């Protein structure tokens, strides 16, 4: 990777660029060795979140709706535009970047992306990982979509979000696949994917559900948006 030099870089400017594009939450994660190549070559990841419409999510009572499927695509496009703006800003100041699409399947067997935006968002202090394996934020519960931009820029990293679902079992009670367990590690990926494939074929033409997102209130006590780590 080529050597780059910081040029008048301020983290506040990066957040301003993301928020101007519609991001409601912005954090910076310190990238660990747990990400695959080539992402581990970048020490930081800027993570942005755009909330989903509560009105649209409310239509996903027992299964996803076509209204939600359209909204899902629109929000993902907005996130990709935010990532493009952030990456352009950082590259214009001499830093390398690698933006990861908000929703792109690279592993069709697992229906997984190149990296987990939710895990990066947790590292960036935006929330915690719930029983449903989605990011849970205090502001919007699980009703957010995420995008990440890896970068060589020496941005101050946030402390990871901490906490958990505690006594809340809302997502487990409504999951149409019965795939959600007592912990995030107990989530049954195979059962979830089977139900998503059914929904894709029958309703949405996408691997989406939204039922657990609708149920997740995000009101459990936890630490979020901590001050940046000391350098």
C-alpha atoms as a PDB file:
ATOM      1  CA  UNK A   1       0.000   0.000   0.000  1.00  0.00           C
ATOM      2  CA  UNK A   2       1.351   3.416  -0.918  1.00  0.00           C
ATOM      3  CA  UNK A   3       2.398   5.852   1.811  1.00  0.00           C
ATOM      4  CA  UNK A   4      -0.007   8.734   2.294  1.00  0.00           C
ATOM      5  CA  UNK A   5       0.241  12.026   4.140  1.00  0.00           C
ATOM      6  CA  UNK A   6      -2.509  13.712   6.166  1.00  0.00           C
ATOM      7  CA  UNK A   7      -3.502  17.104   4.799  1.00  0.00           C
ATOM      8  CA  UNK A   8      -5.484  19.354   7.154  1.00  0.00           C
ATOM      9  CA  UNK A   9      -7.586  16.389   8.260  1.00  0.00           C
ATOM     10  CA  UNK A  10     -10.237  16.898  10.933  1.00  0.00           C
ATOM     11  CA  UNK A  11     -12.561  14.093  12.017  1.00  0.00           C
ATOM     12  CA  UNK A  12     -15.376  16.641  12.402  1.00  0.00           C
ATOM     13  CA  UNK A  13     -15.097  17.340   8.670  1.00  0.00           C
ATOM     14  CA  UNK A  14     -15.576  13.653   7.902  1.00  0.00           C
ATOM     15  CA  UNK A  15     -18.684  13.509  10.097  1.00  0.00           C
ATOM     16  CA  UNK A  16     -20.016  16.671   8.470  1.00  0.00           C
ATOM     17  CA  UNK A  17     -19.630  15.142   5.004  1.00  0.00           C
ATOM     18  CA  UNK A  18     -21.481  11.988   6.060  1.00  0.00           C
ATOM     19  CA  UNK A  19     -24.290  13.856   7.812  1.00  0.00           C
ATOM     20  CA  UNK A  20     -24.722  16.193   4.852  1.00  0.00           C
ATOM     21  CA  UNK A  21     -25.496  13.093   2.806  1.00  0.00           C
ATOM     22  CA  UNK A  22     -28.186  11.953   5.243  1.00  0.00           C
ATOM     23  CA  UNK A  23     -26.316   9.940   7.883  1.00  0.00           C
ATOM     24  CA  UNK A  24     -27.911  10.171  11.324  1.00  0.00           C
ATOM     25  CA  UNK A  25     -25.064   8.378  13.120  1.00  0.00           C
ATOM     26  CA  UNK A  26     -21.345   8.395  12.326  1.00  0.00           C
ATOM     27  CA  UNK A  27     -18.515   6.612  14.120  1.00  0.00           C
ATOM     28  CA  UNK A  28     -14.927   5.547  13.560  1.00  0.00           C
ATOM     29  CA  UNK A  29     -13.778   1.992  14.258  1.00  0.00           C
ATOM     30  CA  UNK A  30     -10.265   0.841  14.963  1.00  0.00           C
ATOM     31  CA  UNK A  31      -9.901  -2.049  12.527  1.00  0.00           C
ATOM     32  CA  UNK A  32      -8.755  -5.284  14.115  1.00  0.00           C
ATOM     33  CA  UNK A  33      -7.219  -8.383  12.538  1.00  0.00           C
ATOM     34  CA  UNK A  34     -10.638 -10.022  12.384  1.00  0.00           C
ATOM     35  CA  UNK A  35     -11.479  -8.563   8.974  1.00  0.00           C
ATOM     36  CA  UNK A  36     -10.416 -10.308   5.749  1.00  0.00           C
ATOM     37  CA  UNK A  37      -7.836  -9.048   3.271  1.00  0.00           C
ATOM     38  CA  UNK A  38      -7.626  -6.446   1.860  1.00  0.00           C
ATOM     39  CA  UNK A  39      -9.513  -4.619   4.612  1.00  0.00           C
ATOM     40  CA  UNK A  40      -6.984  -5.366   7.344  1.00  0.00           C
ATOM     41  CA  UNK A  41      -4.525  -3.073   5.565  1.00  0.00           C
ATOM     42  CA  UNK A  42      -6.622  -0.105   6.669  1.00  0.00           C
ATOM     43  CA  UNK A  43      -6.352   0.962  10.340  1.00  0.00           C
ATOM     44  CA  UNK A  44      -9.678   2.798  10.470  1.00  0.00           C
ATOM     45  CA  UNK A  45     -13.234   2.436   9.176  1.00  0.00           C
ATOM     46  CA  UNK A  46     -15.754   5.250   9.059  1.00  0.00           C
ATOM     47  CA  UNK A  47     -19.235   3.804   9.647  1.00  0.00           C
ATOM     48  CA  UNK A  48     -22.421   5.711   8.838  1.00  0.00           C
ATOM     49  CA  UNK A  49     -26.017   4.821   9.654  1.00  0.00           C
ATOM     50  CA  UNK A  50     -29.240   5.966   7.986  1.00  0.00           C
ATOM     51  CA  UNK A  51     -32.478   5.193   9.847  1.00  0.00           C
ATOM     52  CA  UNK A  52     -35.253   3.238   8.205  1.00  0.00           C
ATOM     53  CA  UNK A  53     -38.709   4.779   8.083  1.00  0.00           C
ATOM     54  CA  UNK A  54     -40.685   3.628  11.104  1.00  0.00           C
ATOM     55  CA  UNK A  55     -43.853   3.913   9.063  1.00  0.00           C
ATOM     56  CA  UNK A  56     -42.496   1.569   6.419  1.00  0.00           C
ATOM     57  CA  UNK A  57     -41.061  -0.850   8.978  1.00  0.00           C
ATOM     58  CA  UNK A  58     -44.449  -0.950  10.704  1.00  0.00           C
ATOM     59  CA  UNK A  59     -45.880  -2.717   7.635  1.00  0.00           C
ATOM     60  CA  UNK A  60     -43.620  -5.762   8.256  1.00  0.00           C
ATOM     61  CA  UNK A  61     -45.838  -7.446  10.829  1.00  0.00           C
ATOM     62  CA  UNK A  62     -45.365 -11.121   9.971  1.00  0.00           C
ATOM     63  CA  UNK A  63     -43.362 -10.846   6.768  1.00  0.00           C
ATOM     64  CA  UNK A  64     -41.676  -8.223   4.591  1.00  0.00           C
ATOM     65  CA  UNK A  65     -43.735  -6.070   2.254  1.00  0.00           C
ATOM     66  CA  UNK A  66     -43.017  -4.747  -1.229  1.00  0.00           C
ATOM     67  CA  UNK A  67     -43.138  -1.255   0.276  1.00  0.00           C
ATOM     68  CA  UNK A  68     -40.288  -2.217   2.603  1.00  0.00           C
ATOM     69  CA  UNK A  69     -38.344  -3.825  -0.240  1.00  0.00           C
ATOM     70  CA  UNK A  70     -38.428  -0.569  -2.207  1.00  0.00           C
ATOM     71  CA  UNK A  71     -37.496   1.523   0.845  1.00  0.00           C
ATOM     72  CA  UNK A  72     -34.626  -0.867   1.588  1.00  0.00           C
ATOM     73  CA  UNK A  73     -33.175  -0.282  -1.890  1.00  0.00           C
ATOM     74  CA  UNK A  74     -33.552   3.500  -1.612  1.00  0.00           C
ATOM     75  CA  UNK A  75     -31.773   3.656   1.754  1.00  0.00           C
ATOM     76  CA  UNK A  76     -28.955   1.420   0.516  1.00  0.00           C
ATOM     77  CA  UNK A  77     -28.448   3.738  -2.459  1.00  0.00           C
ATOM     78  CA  UNK A  78     -28.313   6.735  -0.108  1.00  0.00           C
ATOM     79  CA  UNK A  79     -25.700   4.965   2.013  1.00  0.00           C
ATOM     80  CA  UNK A  80     -23.552   4.152  -1.007  1.00  0.00           C
ATOM     81  CA  UNK A  81     -23.686   7.830  -1.993  1.00  0.00           C
ATOM     82  CA  UNK A  82     -22.556   8.798   1.524  1.00  0.00           C
ATOM     83  CA  UNK A  83     -19.658   6.341   1.307  1.00  0.00           C
ATOM     84  CA  UNK A  84     -18.658   7.776  -2.052  1.00  0.00           C
ATOM     85  CA  UNK A  85     -18.620  11.313  -0.634  1.00  0.00           C
ATOM     86  CA  UNK A  86     -16.611  10.317   2.431  1.00  0.00           C
ATOM     87  CA  UNK A  87     -14.111   8.350   0.344  1.00  0.00           C
ATOM     88  CA  UNK A  88     -13.715  11.216  -2.122  1.00  0.00           C
ATOM     89  CA  UNK A  89     -13.129  13.672   0.727  1.00  0.00           C
ATOM     90  CA  UNK A  90     -10.465  11.491   2.346  1.00  0.00           C
ATOM     91  CA  UNK A  91      -8.721  10.654  -0.909  1.00  0.00           C
ATOM     92  CA  UNK A  92      -8.661  14.333  -1.773  1.00  0.00           C
ATOM     93  CA  UNK A  93      -6.571  14.841   1.347  1.00  0.00           C
ATOM     94  CA  UNK A  94      -4.055  12.169   0.455  1.00  0.00           C
ATOM     95  CA  UNK A  95      -5.478   9.114   2.233  1.00  0.00           C
ATOM     96  CA  UNK A  96      -6.365   5.767   0.742  1.00  0.00           C
ATOM     97  CA  UNK A  97      -9.884   4.411   1.128  1.00  0.00           C
ATOM     98  CA  UNK A  98     -11.900   1.302   0.377  1.00  0.00           C
ATOM     99  CA  UNK A  99     -15.669   1.729   0.509  1.00  0.00           C
ATOM    100  CA  UNK A 100     -17.840  -1.338   1.110  1.00  0.00           C
ATOM    101  CA  UNK A 101     -21.327  -1.286  -0.457  1.00  0.00           C
ATOM    102  CA  UNK A 102     -24.230  -1.082   1.966  1.00  0.00           C
ATOM    103  CA  UNK A 103     -25.764  -4.248   0.564  1.00  0.00           C
ATOM    104  CA  UNK A 104     -23.724  -6.538  -1.667  1.00  0.00           C
ATOM    105  CA  UNK A 105     -23.657 -10.324  -1.431  1.00  0.00           C
ATOM    106  CA  UNK A 106     -20.222 -11.865  -2.014  1.00  0.00           C
ATOM    107  CA  UNK A 107     -20.946 -15.253  -0.417  1.00  0.00           C
ATOM    108  CA  UNK A 108     -24.186 -16.627  -1.823  1.00  0.00           C
ATOM    109  CA  UNK A 109     -24.096 -19.780   0.278  1.00  0.00           C
ATOM    110  CA  UNK A 110     -24.191 -17.714   3.461  1.00  0.00           C
ATOM    111  CA  UNK A 111     -25.814 -14.643   1.827  1.00  0.00           C
ATOM    112  CA  UNK A 112     -23.101 -12.516   3.388  1.00  0.00           C
ATOM    113  CA  UNK A 113     -21.239  -9.368   2.436  1.00  0.00           C
ATOM    114  CA  UNK A 114     -17.506  -8.751   2.269  1.00  0.00           C
ATOM    115  CA  UNK A 115     -17.476  -7.532   5.882  1.00  0.00           C
ATOM    116  CA  UNK A 116     -20.053  -7.116   8.636  1.00  0.00           C
ATOM    117  CA  UNK A 117     -21.180  -3.492   8.789  1.00  0.00           C
ATOM    118  CA  UNK A 118     -22.933  -4.274  12.083  1.00  0.00           C
ATOM    119  CA  UNK A 119     -19.717  -5.524  13.706  1.00  0.00           C
ATOM    120  CA  UNK A 120     -17.819  -2.476  12.458  1.00  0.00           C
ATOM    121  CA  UNK A 121     -20.586  -0.194  13.737  1.00  0.00           C
ATOM    122  CA  UNK A 122     -20.328  -1.817  17.166  1.00  0.00           C
ATOM    123  CA  UNK A 123     -16.569  -1.194  17.115  1.00  0.00           C
ATOM    124  CA  UNK A 124     -17.313   2.406  16.107  1.00  0.00           C
ATOM    125  CA  UNK A 125     -19.459   2.904  19.218  1.00  0.00           C
ATOM    126  CA  UNK A 126     -22.813   3.176  17.448  1.00  0.00           C
ATOM    127  CA  UNK A 127     -24.517   0.363  19.392  1.00  0.00           C
ATOM    128  CA  UNK A 128     -24.336  -3.307  20.288  1.00  0.00           C
ATOM    129  CA  UNK A 129     -25.091  -6.560  18.492  1.00  0.00           C
ATOM    130  CA  UNK A 130     -28.510  -7.891  19.448  1.00  0.00           C
ATOM    131  CA  UNK A 131     -29.851 -11.428  19.634  1.00  0.00           C
ATOM    132  CA  UNK A 132     -30.886 -11.077  15.990  1.00  0.00           C
ATOM    133  CA  UNK A 133     -27.267 -10.312  14.973  1.00  0.00           C
ATOM    134  CA  UNK A 134     -28.185  -6.790  13.911  1.00  0.00           C
ATOM    135  CA  UNK A 135     -26.824  -3.545  15.297  1.00  0.00           C
ATOM    136  CA  UNK A 136     -29.042  -2.083  18.029  1.00  0.00           C
ATOM    137  CA  UNK A 137     -28.808   1.680  18.538  1.00  0.00           C
ATOM    138  CA  UNK A 138     -30.385   3.738  21.347  1.00  0.00           C
ATOM    139  CA  UNK A 139     -31.816   6.200  18.853  1.00  0.00           C
ATOM    140  CA  UNK A 140     -33.453   3.837  16.359  1.00  0.00           C
ATOM    141  CA  UNK A 141     -33.243   0.313  17.746  1.00  0.00           C
ATOM    142  CA  UNK A 142     -32.329  -2.004  14.884  1.00  0.00           C
ATOM    143  CA  UNK A 143     -34.089   0.164  12.295  1.00  0.00           C
ATOM    144  CA  UNK A 144     -30.930   1.407  10.581  1.00  0.00           C
ATOM    145  CA  UNK A 145     -28.911   0.494   7.525  1.00  0.00           C
ATOM    146  CA  UNK A 146     -25.132   0.859   7.503  1.00  0.00           C
ATOM    147  CA  UNK A 147     -22.183   1.529   5.234  1.00  0.00           C
ATOM    148  CA  UNK A 148     -18.439   1.478   5.909  1.00  0.00           C
ATOM    149  CA  UNK A 149     -15.408   3.203   4.420  1.00  0.00           C
ATOM    150  CA  UNK A 150     -12.012   1.752   5.310  1.00  0.00           C
ATOM    151  CA  UNK A 151      -9.215   4.294   5.319  1.00  0.00           C
ATOM    152  CA  UNK A 152      -5.566   4.957   6.098  1.00  0.00           C
ATOM    153  CA  UNK A 153      -6.541   8.351   7.553  1.00  0.00           C
ATOM    154  CA  UNK A 154      -5.347   8.695  11.189  1.00  0.00           C
ATOM    155  CA  UNK A 155      -8.809   9.439  12.593  1.00  0.00           C
ATOM    156  CA  UNK A 156      -9.479   9.207  16.328  1.00  0.00           C
ATOM    157  CA  UNK A 157     -11.341   5.934  16.922  1.00  0.00           C
ATOM    158  CA  UNK A 158     -14.398   5.601  19.112  1.00  0.00           C
ATOM    159  CA  UNK A 159     -14.549   3.114  21.973  1.00  0.00           C
ATOM    160  CA  UNK A 160     -16.693   0.088  21.059  1.00  0.00           C
ATOM    161  CA  UNK A 161     -20.345   0.149  22.060  1.00  0.00           C
ATOM    162  CA  UNK A 162     -21.156  -2.134  24.973  1.00  0.00           C
ATOM    163  CA  UNK A 163     -24.286  -3.685  26.436  1.00  0.00           C
ATOM    164  CA  UNK A 164     -26.910  -6.148  25.389  1.00  0.00           C
ATOM    165  CA  UNK A 165     -30.587  -6.963  25.016  1.00  0.00           C
ATOM    166  CA  UNK A 166     -30.966  -7.773  28.728  1.00  0.00           C
ATOM    167  CA  UNK A 167     -34.538  -8.867  29.408  1.00  0.00           C
ATOM    168  CA  UNK A 168     -35.896  -7.791  26.011  1.00  0.00           C
ATOM    169  CA  UNK A 169     -37.068 -10.771  23.950  1.00  0.00           C
ATOM    170  CA  UNK A 170     -39.163  -8.900  21.372  1.00  0.00           C
ATOM    171  CA  UNK A 171     -37.294 -10.126  18.301  1.00  0.00           C
ATOM    172  CA  UNK A 172     -37.353 -13.774  19.406  1.00  0.00           C
ATOM    173  CA  UNK A 173     -41.097 -13.651  19.930  1.00  0.00           C
ATOM    174  CA  UNK A 174     -41.868 -12.452  16.396  1.00  0.00           C
ATOM    175  CA  UNK A 175     -39.171 -14.114  14.253  1.00  0.00           C
ATOM    176  CA  UNK A 176     -41.063 -15.948  11.479  1.00  0.00           C
ATOM    177  CA  UNK A 177     -38.207 -18.436  11.125  1.00  0.00           C
ATOM    178  CA  UNK A 178     -37.724 -19.158  14.813  1.00  0.00           C
ATOM    179  CA  UNK A 179     -34.054 -18.472  14.170  1.00  0.00           C
ATOM    180  CA  UNK A 180     -33.232 -16.107  17.039  1.00  0.00           C
ATOM    181  CA  UNK A 181     -31.735 -17.600  20.185  1.00  0.00           C
ATOM    182  CA  UNK A 182     -30.904 -16.316  23.644  1.00  0.00           C
ATOM    183  CA  UNK A 183     -27.650 -14.740  22.414  1.00  0.00           C
ATOM    184  CA  UNK A 184     -26.244 -13.466  19.141  1.00  0.00           C
ATOM    185  CA  UNK A 185     -24.092 -16.590  18.903  1.00  0.00           C
ATOM    186  CA  UNK A 186     -27.226 -18.750  19.170  1.00  0.00           C
ATOM    187  CA  UNK A 187     -28.751 -17.236  16.022  1.00  0.00           C
ATOM    188  CA  UNK A 188     -29.596 -19.985  13.534  1.00  0.00           C
ATOM    189  CA  UNK A 189     -28.269 -18.668  10.223  1.00  0.00           C
ATOM    190  CA  UNK A 190     -29.575 -21.638   8.220  1.00  0.00           C
ATOM    191  CA  UNK A 191     -33.167 -21.214   9.414  1.00  0.00           C
ATOM    192  CA  UNK A 192     -33.034 -17.477   8.821  1.00  0.00           C
ATOM    193  CA  UNK A 193     -31.704 -17.905   5.285  1.00  0.00           C
ATOM    194  CA  UNK A 194     -34.335 -20.501   4.488  1.00  0.00           C
ATOM    195  CA  UNK A 195     -37.057 -18.012   5.408  1.00  0.00           C
ATOM    196  CA  UNK A 196     -35.344 -15.195   3.497  1.00  0.00           C
ATOM    197  CA  UNK A 197     -35.229 -17.334   0.378  1.00  0.00           C
ATOM    198  CA  UNK A 198     -38.945 -17.984   0.745  1.00  0.00           C
ATOM    199  CA  UNK A 199     -39.663 -14.267   1.087  1.00  0.00           C
ATOM    200  CA  UNK A 200     -37.406 -13.448  -1.871  1.00  0.00           C
ATOM    201  CA  UNK A 201     -39.263 -15.875  -4.115  1.00  0.00           C
ATOM    202  CA  UNK A 202     -42.749 -15.034  -2.893  1.00  0.00           C
ATOM    203  CA  UNK A 203     -42.682 -11.313  -2.070  1.00  0.00           C
ATOM    204  CA  UNK A 204     -39.602  -9.124  -2.325  1.00  0.00           C
ATOM    205  CA  UNK A 205     -37.097 -10.501  -4.860  1.00  0.00           C
ATOM    206  CA  UNK A 206     -34.511  -9.683  -2.153  1.00  0.00           C
ATOM    207  CA  UNK A 207     -33.089 -11.486   0.856  1.00  0.00           C
ATOM    208  CA  UNK A 208     -34.840  -9.308   3.433  1.00  0.00           C
ATOM    209  CA  UNK A 209     -37.374  -9.701   6.212  1.00  0.00           C
ATOM    210  CA  UNK A 210     -37.755  -6.715   8.571  1.00  0.00           C
ATOM    211  CA  UNK A 211     -39.987  -8.420  11.149  1.00  0.00           C
ATOM    212  CA  UNK A 212     -37.364  -8.454  13.920  1.00  0.00           C
ATOM    213  CA  UNK A 213     -36.306  -4.914  12.954  1.00  0.00           C
ATOM    214  CA  UNK A 214     -39.876  -3.752  13.522  1.00  0.00           C
ATOM    215  CA  UNK A 215     -39.962  -5.357  16.959  1.00  0.00           C
ATOM    216  CA  UNK A 216     -36.586  -4.111  18.228  1.00  0.00           C
ATOM    217  CA  UNK A 217     -37.036  -1.012  20.439  1.00  0.00           C
ATOM    218  CA  UNK A 218     -33.373  -0.392  21.246  1.00  0.00           C
ATOM    219  CA  UNK A 219     -34.132   0.886  24.716  1.00  0.00           C
ATOM    220  CA  UNK A 220     -31.908  -1.504  26.697  1.00  0.00           C
ATOM    221  CA  UNK A 221     -29.241   0.358  28.720  1.00  0.00           C
ATOM    222  CA  UNK A 222     -25.817   0.325  27.112  1.00  0.00           C
ATOM    223  CA  UNK A 223     -22.840   2.510  26.414  1.00  0.00           C
ATOM    224  CA  UNK A 224     -22.721   4.218  23.056  1.00  0.00           C
ATOM    225  CA  UNK A 225     -20.852   6.984  21.194  1.00  0.00           C
ATOM    226  CA  UNK A 226     -18.045   6.995  23.723  1.00  0.00           C
ATOM    227  CA  UNK A 227     -15.276   9.588  23.473  1.00  0.00           C
ATOM    228  CA  UNK A 228     -12.496   8.672  21.058  1.00  0.00           C
ATOM    229  CA  UNK A 229      -9.772   6.397  22.420  1.00  0.00           C
ATOM    230  CA  UNK A 230      -6.719   8.222  23.742  1.00  0.00           C
ATOM    231  CA  UNK A 231      -3.854   8.131  21.275  1.00  0.00           C
END
